[in-house]
């Protein structure tokens, strides 16, 4: 399991990942985490497939295929929730797409196989602990700034020397 290549019907699995869609100016809903798998179909021909939405992005590099897939996800979701023909059924459409079919099962099996390979090597895909560290650092910086603000408000117009230990968090 540690070194063998992983193949699906379309080619060799060369990567996996997740995409999170947050509400924004472009799209107003938060969508559950979407998982994808990157497949090398031929040399310099990659497809990045969103397993949940059955959407493919293509490119001559993994990154280009991923970026193409991301763009298609946003276009699809926007259309799914705003197009007059389907906007009232957007969530039901997503529910239907999230259901497993034979291709989805094959992709999920390969995805989980890669997850285990990464875990065995000590590589971590889950960014939650890293994000929690960043959040804690930001909370500490906010607390320091609030303390300084309160001190300045108490001191009024008097000159107060302000120093802040800046720590880059991301």
Foldseek 3Di string as FASTA:
>chain_A
DQDDWDADPQATWDDKAWDWDDADPLHHHTDPIWIWTWGDNDQQWIWIAGLQQRFIAIGSDSVNRVVRRVVVVSVVLSCCCPPPVHNVPSVVNSVVSRDDDPVSVRRVVRVVVVCVNCVVVVHDRDCVVLVVVLVVVVVVQVVLVVVVVVVCVVVDPDDDDDDDDDDDRD
